[in-house]
């Protein structure tokens, strides 16, 4: 399985490589993309590239490429592709299509002073246009993965009760089943459903649990089904426990075009709150597993 890593020569770039390596394992191939401004006359592939001229830019890209390849775990196949593009997000999508990548991986979630995570501009653009799943790391991703030997420990799928429920569960379950990883399927319920009548909240929780459990059973998937409730989405997520090396999977909004990403309001809240890497899957996307077999 091929992963395209959007690389920058900083901590976020290291996080992206660590996450892609963990998702893919020893059998995966990483194409590490360094995108440059369109007016930069440069294109190269490492290792084994000969860009044919010497310049300050070429020397700097050479340095970044060596640094990136040094971060790839032993045994994982990888190369660096440097490309001048008009738009970083569109450039990553183009390179992903050219290389046959199945997931675009970024380390683009920064922790703000308020304690929330926020995507950078490139990640934000991809989350509203990518035809491929996009995986985003967190500042603590590398340390958490190192505790698990660089491997994923559990997959958590976040679902609603609508039509896209099964596709998100299938996407998350594909690798969990292949690797023998535990799968957790979580539905978030806001306590505003019971603002006037506590029984209404109980009824909604029961409905959500039944709906999700039925979907999991129909797919013949072994998974823990959990309903997390709170006064709002953030509080509901705060009720969940997490393992080192865990990843979360969420689907796109119903407003998304078919086979395209588009972050809905709930997913955007989750993006800012979840303490683990998050993988966003395009609407109706069928050919994706969170990770390939190690």
Protein backbone atom coordinates (compact mmCIF):
# COMPACT_ATOMS: atom_id res chain seq x y z
CA UNK A 1 0.00 0.00 0.00
CA UNK A 2 1.32 3.43 -0.93
CA UNK A 3 1.16 6.51 1.28
CA UNK A 4 1.90 10.06 0.20
CA UNK A 5 3.49 12.10 2.99
CA UNK A 6 3.28 15.88 2.84
CA UNK A 7 6.68 16.72 4.29
CA UNK A 8 8.08 19.86 5.85
CA UNK A 9 11.53 19.89 7.46
CA UNK A 10 10.25 20.34 11.00
CA UNK A 11 8.50 18.45 13.80
CA UNK A 12 5.29 18.17 11.79
CA UNK A 13 7.16 16.50 8.95
CA UNK A 14 8.64 13.99 11.40
CA UNK A 15 5.16 13.30 12.79
CA UNK A 16 3.79 12.68 9.30
CA UNK A 17 6.53 10.17 8.46
CA UNK A 18 6.09 8.38 11.80
CA UNK A 19 2.31 8.15 11.28
CA UNK A 20 2.58 6.94 7.69
CA UNK A 21 5.18 4.34 8.69
CA UNK A 22 2.93 3.05 11.47
CA UNK A 23 -0.15 2.94 9.24
CA UNK A 24 1.69 1.14 6.48
CA UNK A 25 4.17 -1.06 8.30
CA UNK A 26 7.10 -2.81 6.63
CA UNK A 27 5.09 -3.71 3.51
CA UNK A 28 4.10 -0.14 2.72
CA UNK A 29 5.83 2.36 0.46
CA UNK A 30 6.13 6.03 1.38
CA UNK A 31 6.32 8.74 -1.25
CA UNK A 32 7.51 11.75 0.72
CA UNK A 33 6.50 14.92 -1.10
CA UNK A 34 8.30 18.23 -0.76
CA UNK A 35 6.20 20.83 -2.55
CA UNK A 36 7.79 24.10 -3.62
CA UNK A 37 6.34 27.37 -4.98
CA UNK A 38 5.39 27.23 -8.65
CA UNK A 39 8.03 29.75 -9.67
CA UNK A 40 10.78 27.50 -8.28
CA UNK A 41 12.36 25.72 -11.30
CA UNK A 42 12.93 22.44 -9.51
CA UNK A 43 11.83 18.81 -9.71
CA UNK A 44 13.67 15.77 -8.37
CA UNK A 45 13.29 12.30 -6.89
CA UNK A 46 15.48 10.88 -4.11
CA UNK A 47 17.34 8.61 -3.69
CA UNK A 48 19.03 8.25 -7.05
CA UNK A 49 18.20 11.68 -8.42
CA UNK A 50 20.45 13.89 -10.47
CA UNK A 51 18.79 17.27 -10.85
CA UNK A 52 21.55 18.36 -13.20
CA UNK A 53 22.47 21.70 -11.71
CA UNK A 54 23.68 23.24 -8.48
CA UNK A 55 21.90 26.07 -6.72
CA UNK A 56 21.01 27.23 -3.26
CA UNK A 57 17.52 25.78 -3.72
CA UNK A 58 18.82 22.46 -5.00
CA UNK A 59 21.25 22.13 -2.12
CA UNK A 60 18.53 22.95 0.40
CA UNK A 61 16.12 20.39 -1.08
CA UNK A 62 18.93 17.83 -1.04
CA UNK A 63 19.35 18.53 2.68
CA UNK A 64 15.62 18.19 3.36
CA UNK A 65 15.43 14.96 1.37
CA UNK A 66 18.27 13.37 3.32
CA UNK A 67 16.69 14.43 6.60
CA UNK A 68 13.33 12.97 5.57
CA UNK A 69 14.74 9.62 4.44
CA UNK A 70 16.72 9.36 7.68
CA UNK A 71 13.41 9.46 9.61
CA UNK A 72 11.96 6.44 7.81
CA UNK A 73 12.15 3.26 9.95
CA UNK A 74 14.46 0.51 8.77
CA UNK A 75 12.78 -1.87 6.35
CA UNK A 76 10.17 0.61 5.10
CA UNK A 77 10.43 1.49 1.41
CA UNK A 78 10.53 5.23 0.75
CA UNK A 79 11.57 7.93 -1.67
CA UNK A 80 11.35 11.72 -1.74
CA UNK A 81 9.64 13.60 -4.56
CA UNK A 82 10.35 17.33 -4.84
CA UNK A 83 7.93 19.23 -7.06
CA UNK A 84 7.14 22.87 -7.84
CA UNK A 85 3.35 23.35 -7.71
CA UNK A 86 0.89 26.27 -7.93
CA UNK A 87 -1.02 25.08 -4.84
CA UNK A 88 0.41 22.83 -2.09
CA UNK A 89 -2.89 21.00 -1.49
CA UNK A 90 -3.65 20.49 -5.17
CA UNK A 91 -0.01 19.55 -5.74
CA UNK A 92 -0.24 16.80 -3.13
CA UNK A 93 -3.44 15.48 -4.72
CA UNK A 94 -1.78 15.46 -8.15
CA UNK A 95 1.32 13.65 -6.90
CA UNK A 96 -0.85 11.16 -4.99
CA UNK A 97 -2.73 10.31 -8.18
CA UNK A 98 0.50 10.00 -10.16
CA UNK A 99 2.09 7.65 -7.63
CA UNK A 100 -1.02 5.58 -6.92
CA UNK A 101 -1.10 6.57 -3.26
CA UNK A 102 -4.16 5.48 -1.28
CA UNK A 103 -3.78 7.87 1.66
CA UNK A 104 -2.33 11.38 2.08
CA UNK A 105 -0.60 11.79 5.44
CA UNK A 106 0.17 15.10 7.16
CA UNK A 107 1.50 16.14 10.54
CA UNK A 108 -0.55 19.31 10.33
CA UNK A 109 -2.47 19.61 13.59
CA UNK A 110 -0.97 22.21 15.92
CA UNK A 111 -1.89 22.52 19.59
CA UNK A 112 -3.12 26.00 20.40
CA UNK A 113 -2.90 27.67 23.81
CA UNK A 114 -6.53 26.79 24.50
CA UNK A 115 -5.58 23.10 24.30
CA UNK A 116 -7.33 22.43 20.99
CA UNK A 117 -5.77 21.11 17.80
CA UNK A 118 -6.10 23.02 14.55
CA UNK A 119 -5.11 22.01 11.01
CA UNK A 120 -2.79 24.15 8.93
CA UNK A 121 -3.87 25.77 5.67
CA UNK A 122 -2.79 22.82 3.50
CA UNK A 123 -4.60 20.32 5.71
CA UNK A 124 -7.72 22.48 5.75
CA UNK A 125 -7.73 22.64 1.95
CA UNK A 126 -7.30 18.87 1.63
CA UNK A 127 -10.08 18.22 4.14
CA UNK A 128 -12.50 19.99 1.82
CA UNK A 129 -11.37 18.64 -1.54
CA UNK A 130 -9.31 15.45 -1.42
CA UNK A 131 -10.51 12.37 -3.33
CA UNK A 132 -8.33 10.28 -1.01
CA UNK A 133 -8.40 9.67 2.74
CA UNK A 134 -6.34 12.22 4.68
CA UNK A 135 -4.52 11.24 7.88
CA UNK A 136 -3.50 13.96 10.34
CA UNK A 137 -1.10 13.49 13.24
CA UNK A 138 -0.87 15.34 16.55
CA UNK A 139 2.10 16.76 18.46
CA UNK A 140 2.15 13.62 20.63
CA UNK A 141 1.85 11.10 17.80
CA UNK A 142 5.52 10.21 17.58
CA UNK A 143 5.97 9.56 21.30
CA UNK A 144 2.76 7.51 21.49
CA UNK A 145 3.73 5.39 18.49
CA UNK A 146 7.22 4.83 19.86
CA UNK A 147 5.67 3.32 23.01
CA UNK A 148 3.95 0.78 20.74
CA UNK A 149 7.03 -0.04 18.73
CA UNK A 150 5.90 2.16 15.86
CA UNK A 151 2.68 0.20 15.29
CA UNK A 152 -1.01 0.96 15.52
CA UNK A 153 -2.65 -0.48 18.64
CA UNK A 154 -6.39 0.08 18.09
CA UNK A 155 -8.77 1.64 15.58
CA UNK A 156 -11.74 3.75 16.69
CA UNK A 157 -14.46 4.62 14.18
CA UNK A 158 -16.70 7.59 14.92
CA UNK A 159 -20.14 7.21 13.37
CA UNK A 160 -23.55 8.79 13.37
CA UNK A 161 -26.81 6.98 12.75
CA UNK A 162 -27.28 8.07 9.14
CA UNK A 163 -26.70 6.46 5.77
CA UNK A 164 -22.89 6.74 5.91
CA UNK A 165 -22.60 4.63 9.05
CA UNK A 166 -21.67 1.35 7.37
CA UNK A 167 -19.06 2.81 5.00
CA UNK A 168 -17.11 4.38 7.88
CA UNK A 169 -17.24 1.15 9.90
CA UNK A 170 -16.06 -0.83 6.85
CA UNK A 171 -13.16 1.55 6.27
CA UNK A 172 -12.00 1.32 9.88
CA UNK A 173 -12.58 -2.43 10.10
CA UNK A 174 -10.59 -3.32 6.98
CA UNK A 175 -7.20 -3.03 8.63
CA UNK A 176 -8.34 -3.85 12.15
CA UNK A 177 -9.49 -7.25 10.93
CA UNK A 178 -6.45 -7.79 8.71
CA UNK A 179 -4.00 -7.07 11.50
CA UNK A 180 -5.99 -8.56 14.35
CA UNK A 181 -6.37 -5.13 15.96
CA UNK A 182 -9.29 -4.32 18.25
CA UNK A 183 -11.95 -2.13 16.69
CA UNK A 184 -14.07 0.32 18.64
CA UNK A 185 -17.14 1.97 17.09
CA UNK A 186 -18.25 5.13 18.89
CA UNK A 187 -21.33 7.29 18.44
CA UNK A 188 -21.42 10.68 20.17
CA UNK A 189 -24.66 11.86 21.72
CA UNK A 190 -25.23 15.39 22.99
CA UNK A 191 -27.20 15.68 26.20
CA UNK A 192 -29.19 18.49 24.62
CA UNK A 193 -31.45 15.69 23.40
CA UNK A 194 -32.69 15.46 26.99
CA UNK A 195 -32.67 19.15 27.88
CA UNK A 196 -36.38 19.13 28.65
CA UNK A 197 -37.08 15.43 29.12
CA UNK A 198 -34.38 13.08 30.53
CA UNK A 199 -36.25 10.13 29.03
CA UNK A 200 -35.72 11.61 25.59
CA UNK A 201 -31.96 11.40 26.10
CA UNK A 202 -32.21 7.78 27.26
CA UNK A 203 -34.32 6.95 24.23
CA UNK A 204 -31.82 8.58 21.87
CA UNK A 205 -28.88 6.75 23.46
CA UNK A 206 -30.77 3.44 23.17
CA UNK A 207 -31.63 4.19 19.54
CA UNK A 208 -28.02 5.07 18.70
CA UNK A 209 -26.68 1.94 20.39
CA UNK A 210 -29.21 -0.27 18.60
CA UNK A 211 -28.60 1.36 15.20
CA UNK A 212 -24.82 1.09 15.44
CA UNK A 213 -24.91 -2.46 16.85
CA UNK A 214 -27.19 -3.58 14.03
CA UNK A 215 -24.86 -2.11 11.41
CA UNK A 216 -21.84 -3.82 12.97
CA UNK A 217 -23.73 -7.13 13.13
CA UNK A 218 -24.90 -6.87 9.52
CA UNK A 219 -21.31 -6.34 8.43
CA UNK A 220 -20.30 -9.39 10.52
CA UNK A 221 -17.62 -7.37 12.27
CA UNK A 222 -16.34 -7.96 15.79
CA UNK A 223 -16.22 -4.56 17.45
CA UNK A 224 -16.87 -2.83 20.74
CA UNK A 225 -19.84 -0.47 20.39
CA UNK A 226 -19.80 2.54 22.67
CA UNK A 227 -22.12 5.53 23.05
CA UNK A 228 -20.39 8.58 24.54
CA UNK A 229 -22.64 11.29 25.91
CA UNK A 230 -21.84 14.79 27.13
CA UNK A 231 -23.25 18.30 27.35
CA UNK A 232 -21.54 18.89 23.99
CA UNK A 233 -19.28 17.03 21.55
CA UNK A 234 -16.11 18.05 23.37
CA UNK A 235 -17.41 16.73 26.70
CA UNK A 236 -18.55 13.48 25.06
CA UNK A 237 -15.09 12.91 23.58
CA UNK A 238 -13.51 13.71 26.95
CA UNK A 239 -15.34 10.69 28.39
CA UNK A 240 -13.37 8.33 26.14
CA UNK A 241 -10.10 6.63 27.04
CA UNK A 242 -7.29 6.23 24.51
CA UNK A 243 -4.43 3.80 23.98
CA UNK A 244 -0.93 4.73 22.86
CA UNK A 245 -0.75 4.13 19.13
CA UNK A 246 -4.50 4.43 18.57
CA UNK A 247 -5.99 6.09 15.49
CA UNK A 248 -9.49 7.44 14.88
CA UNK A 249 -11.48 7.29 11.67
CA UNK A 250 -14.34 9.62 10.71
CA UNK A 251 -16.39 10.01 7.54
CA UNK A 252 -17.20 13.09 5.47
CA UNK A 253 -20.26 15.26 5.62
CA UNK A 254 -23.37 14.36 3.64
CA UNK A 255 -22.71 17.62 1.80
CA UNK A 256 -19.54 16.14 0.30
CA UNK A 257 -19.54 15.26 -3.37
CA UNK A 258 -19.31 11.54 -4.03
CA UNK A 259 -15.78 10.24 -3.35
CA UNK A 260 -14.65 13.63 -2.02
CA UNK A 261 -13.85 14.88 1.45
CA UNK A 262 -15.85 17.62 3.09
CA UNK A 263 -15.60 18.15 6.82
CA UNK A 264 -18.94 18.57 8.58
CA UNK A 265 -19.34 20.64 11.75
CA UNK A 266 -19.14 17.64 14.10
CA UNK A 267 -16.01 16.29 12.41
CA UNK A 268 -14.40 19.72 12.62
CA UNK A 269 -15.04 19.80 16.36
CA UNK A 270 -13.53 16.33 16.66
CA UNK A 271 -10.51 17.41 14.63
CA UNK A 272 -9.79 20.10 17.23
CA UNK A 273 -10.40 17.85 20.24
CA UNK A 274 -9.18 14.31 19.57
CA UNK A 275 -5.79 13.58 21.15
CA UNK A 276 -4.95 10.86 18.59
CA UNK A 277 -4.23 10.85 14.85
CA UNK A 278 -7.37 11.26 12.78
CA UNK A 279 -8.12 9.74 9.38
CA UNK A 280 -10.92 11.36 7.37
CA UNK A 281 -12.48 9.18 4.68
CA UNK A 282 -14.22 10.61 1.58
CA UNK A 283 -17.93 10.07 1.13
CA UNK A 284 -18.72 6.66 -0.42
CA UNK A 285 -15.03 5.77 -0.59
CA UNK A 286 -14.76 1.99 -0.85
CA UNK A 287 -11.13 1.07 -1.45
CA UNK A 288 -9.40 2.01 1.77
CA UNK A 289 -7.97 0.33 4.86
CA UNK A 290 -6.56 2.38 7.71
CA UNK A 291 -3.35 0.39 7.55
CA UNK A 292 -1.96 -2.48 5.55
CA UNK A 293 -0.88 -5.74 7.12
CA UNK A 294 2.37 -5.55 9.08
